[in-house]
Amino acid sequence: MPKAAFAPAKVNLFLHVGPPAADGYHPICSLMVFADIGDVVMAYQAEALEVTVLGPFASALEGEGNNLVLRAARGLIAEARRPVAPFGISLDKRLPVAAGLGGGSSDAGATLRLLRELGLKAPEDRLEMVAESLGADGAACLWGRPVLAEGRGERLTPAPALPTLEAVLVNPRVPVQTGEVYKAYDASGAFGDVTPPPAPDRFEDVVELAAWLSMQRNDLEPAAIRVAPAVGDVLETLRGEPETLLARVSGSGGTCFALCRSDLEAETLAQRIEAMAPDWWVRRCRLGGPWPDPE
């Protein structure tokens, strides 16, 4: 100690959502990838288990005593079934909260990987069980690899081979609560088909991928825009720029992503959006994964 783990932003390249089952949960089918930007989790010696939050979005988590990081640590301690030396966890919160980027789930996944590396051993299947128990994105966010997620998000298969994806993430700095979006989605009754769409084993370049993705959807996108109209403003702006091959809402919002042909075009787009809307959160990134932990 101390040692750090990277918690990458999750991006849903598409998200198909079916009608709710009897228990209220919606089946999904989603192609998930991970960005080379995200939060950082660090463990350190302490007198008792605690979580401290710092970083530009720390204030958004004030008052969340039992957050996903703490729940992940307690879950792994229970699975290890042996006494452990007291430790603390610090979370450098660099991603916006309630943003459709799986931030909490990714933070929890990074915590589980970090604590296992520090000696809190548990079989891999039990580690995955703890991650899955923390939310729909938990299983995918544990390892941060591109996957096709089905069921509630717990049934994972490897994604097709993907090219390098240069992208821009944009959030209007308006928190979008997942529960509100699903409520609006249910009210619409416009439920999607969650059968995995036919896909090649490999996409040769981002143009081919963007063309295929254009035939897919984010079924929560209209509901997210109804809940937070600023999300629609972001999406409309991105779709109007020449560098954008494809723009879509990630998850339940409010972050949108744009895929670009090259790193230069992504950088140009990010700079222009920052100049046009200085109050928005804008990050140029690369999508794929998994990404290495900080040194």
Protein backbone atom coordinates (compact mmCIF):
# COMPACT_ATOMS: atom_id res chain seq x y z
CA MET A 1 0.00 0.00 0.00
CA PRO A 2 -0.82 2.46 -1.37
CA LYS A 3 -1.70 1.01 -4.74
CA ALA A 4 -4.10 2.28 -7.41
CA ALA A 5 -6.61 0.79 -9.83
CA PHE A 6 -8.20 2.44 -12.85
CA ALA A 7 -12.00 2.62 -13.12
CA PRO A 8 -12.74 3.35 -16.80
CA ALA A 9 -15.88 5.01 -18.10
CA LYS A 10 -18.32 2.54 -19.66
CA VAL A 11 -19.96 3.40 -22.97
CA ASN A 12 -22.94 1.57 -24.48
CA LEU A 13 -22.39 1.58 -28.24
CA PHE A 14 -25.95 0.31 -28.47
CA LEU A 15 -28.53 -0.50 -25.81
CA HIS A 16 -31.65 -2.48 -26.63
CA VAL A 17 -34.17 -2.71 -23.78
CA GLY A 18 -37.16 -5.01 -23.56
CA PRO A 19 -40.40 -4.77 -21.56
CA PRO A 20 -40.19 -5.24 -17.80
CA ALA A 21 -40.51 -8.74 -16.42
CA ALA A 22 -42.76 -9.64 -13.49
CA ASP A 23 -40.06 -8.53 -11.06
CA GLY A 24 -39.82 -5.12 -12.72
CA TYR A 25 -36.39 -5.63 -14.28
CA HIS A 26 -35.88 -5.03 -18.00
CA PRO A 27 -33.90 -7.46 -20.18
CA ILE A 28 -31.21 -5.76 -22.24
CA CYS A 29 -28.82 -6.40 -25.07
CA SER A 30 -25.88 -4.00 -25.20
CA LEU A 31 -22.44 -3.70 -26.74
CA MET A 32 -20.28 -2.19 -24.00
CA VAL A 33 -16.80 -0.74 -24.37
CA PHE A 34 -14.58 1.19 -21.99
CA ALA A 35 -12.80 4.51 -22.28
CA ASP A 36 -9.18 5.33 -21.47
CA ILE A 37 -10.48 8.01 -19.10
CA GLY A 38 -12.11 7.34 -15.74
CA ASP A 39 -11.83 7.42 -11.97
CA VAL A 40 -8.93 6.13 -9.85
CA VAL A 41 -9.30 4.00 -6.72
CA MET A 42 -6.47 3.74 -4.18
CA ALA A 43 -6.10 1.65 -1.00
CA TYR A 44 -4.11 2.76 2.05
CA GLN A 45 -3.54 1.70 5.65
CA ALA A 46 -6.17 2.94 8.07
CA GLU A 47 -7.57 2.20 11.50
CA ALA A 48 -10.91 1.06 10.08
CA LEU A 49 -12.56 0.50 6.73
CA GLU A 50 -13.43 3.89 5.28
CA VAL A 51 -13.94 5.54 1.90
CA THR A 52 -12.82 9.07 1.15
CA VAL A 53 -13.83 10.83 -2.06
CA LEU A 54 -11.89 13.58 -3.78
CA GLY A 55 -11.64 14.94 -7.30
CA PRO A 56 -13.73 17.28 -9.44
CA PHE A 57 -17.01 15.38 -8.92
CA ALA A 58 -16.54 14.45 -5.24
CA SER A 59 -19.29 16.82 -4.11
CA ALA A 60 -21.87 14.84 -6.10
CA LEU A 61 -21.29 11.86 -3.76
CA GLU A 62 -21.56 13.76 -0.49
CA GLY A 63 -23.82 11.96 1.96
CA GLU A 64 -23.55 8.58 0.20
CA GLY A 65 -22.20 6.67 3.18
CA ASN A 66 -22.88 3.22 1.73
CA ASN A 67 -21.65 3.81 -1.82
CA LEU A 68 -20.72 1.07 -4.28
CA VAL A 69 -17.02 1.20 -3.41
CA LEU A 70 -17.75 0.48 0.26
CA ARG A 71 -20.28 -2.21 -0.63
CA ALA A 72 -17.74 -3.86 -2.96
CA ALA A 73 -15.07 -3.88 -0.23
CA ARG A 74 -17.46 -5.33 2.35
CA GLY A 75 -18.66 -7.93 -0.13
CA LEU A 76 -15.14 -9.12 -0.88
CA ILE A 77 -14.22 -9.18 2.81
CA ALA A 78 -17.21 -11.44 3.40
CA GLU A 79 -16.14 -13.73 0.56
CA ALA A 80 -12.54 -13.91 1.82
CA ARG A 81 -13.83 -15.25 5.16
CA ARG A 82 -10.76 -14.32 7.15
CA PRO A 83 -9.61 -11.35 9.23
CA VAL A 84 -7.98 -8.56 7.24
CA ALA A 85 -5.79 -5.66 8.27
CA PRO A 86 -7.76 -2.40 8.40
CA PHE A 87 -7.52 -0.32 5.26
CA GLY A 88 -9.06 2.74 3.69
CA ILE A 89 -10.01 3.47 0.11
CA SER A 90 -9.76 6.80 -1.65
CA LEU A 91 -11.78 7.49 -4.79
CA ASP A 92 -10.59 10.17 -7.19
CA LYS A 93 -13.94 10.98 -8.81
CA ARG A 94 -13.08 12.33 -12.28
CA LEU A 95 -16.26 11.23 -14.09
CA PRO A 96 -19.61 13.01 -13.74
CA VAL A 97 -22.16 11.23 -11.56
CA ALA A 98 -25.52 9.91 -12.87
CA ALA A 99 -24.06 10.20 -16.36
CA GLY A 100 -24.65 6.85 -18.10
CA LEU A 101 -20.95 5.97 -17.84
CA GLY A 102 -21.23 3.21 -15.24
CA GLY A 103 -19.02 5.23 -12.90
CA GLY A 104 -20.18 3.66 -9.64
CA SER A 105 -20.06 0.13 -11.05
CA SER A 106 -16.61 0.74 -12.54
CA ASP A 107 -15.38 2.17 -9.22
CA ALA A 108 -16.67 -0.97 -7.50
CA GLY A 109 -14.99 -3.23 -10.07
CA ALA A 110 -11.68 -1.41 -9.65
CA THR A 111 -12.02 -1.80 -5.87
CA LEU A 112 -12.53 -5.54 -6.17
CA ARG A 113 -9.52 -5.97 -8.48
CA LEU A 114 -7.36 -3.78 -6.28
CA LEU A 115 -8.19 -5.55 -3.03
CA ARG A 116 -7.67 -8.97 -4.60
CA GLU A 117 -4.24 -7.84 -5.79
CA LEU A 118 -3.46 -6.64 -2.28
CA GLY A 119 -4.15 -10.11 -0.89
CA LEU A 120 -7.89 -10.24 -0.21
CA LYS A 121 -8.29 -13.48 -2.12
CA ALA A 122 -11.53 -14.93 -3.44
CA PRO A 123 -12.20 -17.33 -6.34
CA GLU A 124 -12.84 -15.51 -9.59
CA ASP A 125 -16.43 -16.73 -9.81
CA ARG A 126 -17.13 -15.34 -6.32
CA LEU A 127 -15.50 -12.06 -7.27
CA GLU A 128 -17.80 -11.88 -10.29
CA MET A 129 -20.79 -12.72 -8.09
CA VAL A 130 -19.99 -9.77 -5.79
CA ALA A 131 -19.65 -7.46 -8.82
CA GLU A 132 -22.92 -8.69 -10.31
CA SER A 133 -24.76 -8.07 -7.03
CA LEU A 134 -23.87 -4.37 -7.17
CA GLY A 135 -25.93 -3.48 -10.23
CA ALA A 136 -26.70 -4.16 -13.88
CA ASP A 137 -23.30 -2.87 -15.07
CA GLY A 138 -21.36 -4.57 -12.28
CA ALA A 139 -20.37 -7.75 -14.10
CA ALA A 140 -19.14 -5.94 -17.23
CA CYS A 141 -17.32 -3.25 -15.25
CA LEU A 142 -15.32 -5.75 -13.18
CA TRP A 143 -12.83 -6.47 -15.96
CA GLY A 144 -13.50 -3.52 -18.30
CA ARG A 145 -13.36 -5.57 -21.50
CA PRO A 146 -15.56 -5.02 -24.57
CA VAL A 147 -18.55 -7.33 -24.16
CA LEU A 148 -22.05 -8.06 -25.36
CA ALA A 149 -24.24 -7.95 -22.24
CA GLU A 150 -27.63 -9.69 -22.06
CA GLY A 151 -30.22 -10.55 -19.43
CA ARG A 152 -30.03 -7.91 -16.71
CA GLY A 153 -26.47 -7.25 -17.84
CA GLU A 154 -24.98 -10.30 -16.15
CA ARG A 155 -24.75 -12.59 -19.21
CA LEU A 156 -21.56 -11.57 -20.96
CA THR A 157 -19.96 -12.75 -24.19
CA PRO A 158 -16.87 -11.29 -25.87
CA ALA A 159 -17.55 -8.45 -28.28
CA PRO A 160 -16.57 -8.77 -31.96
CA ALA A 161 -13.02 -7.63 -32.65
CA LEU A 162 -13.13 -3.84 -32.79
CA PRO A 163 -10.86 -1.29 -34.45
CA THR A 164 -9.32 1.59 -32.54
CA LEU A 165 -12.22 3.88 -31.62
CA GLU A 166 -11.43 7.56 -31.36
CA ALA A 167 -14.27 9.32 -29.59
CA VAL A 168 -15.53 12.37 -27.75
CA LEU A 169 -17.69 12.20 -24.62
CA VAL A 170 -19.96 15.14 -23.80
CA ASN A 171 -22.14 15.64 -20.73
CA PRO A 172 -24.25 18.78 -20.13
CA ARG A 173 -23.51 18.56 -16.38
CA VAL A 174 -27.11 17.63 -15.67
CA PRO A 175 -27.47 14.47 -13.53
CA VAL A 176 -29.87 11.98 -15.09
CA GLN A 177 -31.34 9.43 -12.69
CA THR A 178 -31.71 5.95 -14.18
CA GLY A 179 -34.97 5.30 -12.32
CA GLU A 180 -36.60 8.39 -13.82
CA VAL A 181 -35.51 7.39 -17.32
CA TYR A 182 -36.92 3.87 -16.96
CA LYS A 183 -40.17 5.31 -15.62
CA ALA A 184 -40.47 7.51 -18.72
CA TYR A 185 -39.49 4.55 -20.92
CA ASP A 186 -42.18 2.33 -19.39
CA ALA A 187 -44.76 5.07 -19.84
CA SER A 188 -43.93 5.23 -23.56
CA GLY A 189 -44.56 1.50 -24.07
CA ALA A 190 -42.01 1.55 -26.93
CA PHE A 191 -40.10 -1.53 -25.85
CA GLY A 192 -37.30 -2.94 -27.97
CA ASP A 193 -36.27 -6.38 -29.20
CA VAL A 194 -33.34 -7.72 -27.16
CA THR A 195 -32.32 -10.49 -29.56
CA PRO A 196 -28.59 -9.97 -30.29
CA PRO A 197 -28.29 -8.42 -33.77
CA PRO A 198 -26.25 -10.31 -36.39
CA ALA A 199 -22.68 -9.04 -36.38
CA PRO A 200 -19.39 -9.97 -38.05
CA ASP A 201 -16.60 -11.54 -36.00
CA ARG A 202 -14.46 -8.50 -36.74
CA PHE A 203 -15.02 -4.90 -37.78
CA GLU A 204 -12.24 -3.78 -40.10
CA ASP A 205 -12.48 -0.06 -39.38
CA VAL A 206 -14.53 2.52 -37.52
CA VAL A 207 -16.51 3.47 -40.64
CA GLU A 208 -17.79 -0.11 -40.97
CA LEU A 209 -18.58 -0.23 -37.25
CA ALA A 210 -20.41 3.11 -37.32
CA ALA A 211 -22.51 1.96 -40.28
CA TRP A 212 -23.47 -1.22 -38.40
CA LEU A 213 -24.20 0.72 -35.20
CA SER A 214 -26.45 3.09 -37.14
CA MET A 215 -28.81 0.13 -37.58
CA GLN A 216 -28.91 -0.39 -33.79
CA ARG A 217 -30.43 1.84 -31.09
CA ASN A 218 -30.31 3.11 -27.58
CA ASP A 219 -33.90 2.44 -26.60
CA LEU A 220 -33.55 4.69 -23.54
CA GLU A 221 -32.42 7.69 -25.58
CA PRO A 222 -35.86 9.30 -26.14
CA ALA A 223 -36.75 8.83 -22.46
CA ALA A 224 -33.43 10.33 -21.34
CA ILE A 225 -34.10 13.39 -23.49
CA ARG A 226 -37.60 13.74 -22.04
CA VAL A 227 -36.20 13.60 -18.51
CA ALA A 228 -33.29 15.95 -19.29
CA PRO A 229 -33.77 18.04 -22.47
CA ALA A 230 -30.15 19.22 -22.24
CA VAL A 231 -29.14 15.71 -23.33
CA GLY A 232 -31.00 16.32 -26.57
CA ASP A 233 -29.10 19.57 -27.05
CA VAL A 234 -25.79 17.69 -26.73
CA LEU A 235 -26.89 14.98 -29.13
CA GLU A 236 -28.12 17.47 -31.72
CA THR A 237 -24.87 19.41 -31.49
CA LEU A 238 -22.68 16.34 -31.96
CA ARG A 239 -24.74 15.05 -34.88
CA GLY A 240 -24.35 18.38 -36.63
CA GLU A 241 -20.54 18.36 -36.64
CA PRO A 242 -18.57 17.10 -39.68
CA GLU A 243 -16.18 14.90 -37.67
CA THR A 244 -18.99 12.81 -36.18
CA LEU A 245 -19.55 9.40 -37.75
CA LEU A 246 -22.12 8.40 -35.14
CA ALA A 247 -23.48 10.10 -32.02
CA ARG A 248 -25.62 8.42 -29.38
CA VAL A 249 -26.56 8.57 -25.71
CA SER A 250 -24.66 6.15 -23.46
CA GLY A 251 -26.73 4.13 -21.02
CA SER A 252 -29.60 6.07 -19.50
CA GLY A 253 -27.81 9.40 -20.06
CA GLY A 254 -26.84 12.07 -19.78
CA THR A 255 -23.48 11.53 -21.50
CA CYS A 256 -23.40 11.32 -25.28
CA PHE A 257 -20.54 9.96 -27.37
CA ALA A 258 -19.37 10.69 -30.90
CA LEU A 259 -17.23 8.30 -32.92
CA CYS A 260 -14.66 9.88 -35.27
CA ARG A 261 -12.42 8.57 -38.05
CA SER A 262 -9.12 9.61 -36.45
CA ASP A 263 -7.53 10.99 -33.30
CA LEU A 264 -7.03 14.32 -35.07
CA GLU A 265 -10.73 14.59 -35.93
CA ALA A 266 -11.70 13.63 -32.37
CA GLU A 267 -9.36 16.27 -30.95
CA THR A 268 -10.72 18.88 -33.35
CA LEU A 269 -14.31 18.02 -32.44
CA ALA A 270 -13.61 18.14 -28.70
CA GLN A 271 -11.95 21.55 -28.97
CA ARG A 272 -14.83 22.96 -31.01
CA ILE A 273 -17.49 21.64 -28.60
CA GLU A 274 -15.59 23.08 -25.63
CA ALA A 275 -15.51 26.47 -27.34
CA MET A 276 -19.20 26.28 -28.29
CA ALA A 277 -20.43 25.12 -24.87
CA PRO A 278 -17.87 25.91 -22.14
CA ASP A 279 -20.28 24.77 -19.41
CA TRP A 280 -20.42 21.20 -20.76
CA TRP A 281 -18.06 18.42 -19.66
CA VAL A 282 -16.12 17.40 -22.78
CA ARG A 283 -13.44 14.70 -23.02
CA ARG A 284 -11.64 13.33 -26.04
CA CYS A 285 -10.90 9.63 -25.47
CA ARG A 286 -10.25 6.23 -26.98
CA LEU A 287 -12.76 3.39 -26.57
CA GLY A 288 -11.93 -0.28 -26.18
CA GLY A 289 -10.33 -1.86 -23.14
CA PRO A 290 -9.12 -3.22 -20.89
CA TRP A 291 -6.82 -0.35 -19.91
CA PRO A 292 -3.80 -0.59 -17.58
CA ASP A 293 -3.90 0.54 -13.96
CA PRO A 294 -1.90 3.63 -12.95
CA GLU A 295 1.74 3.02 -12.06
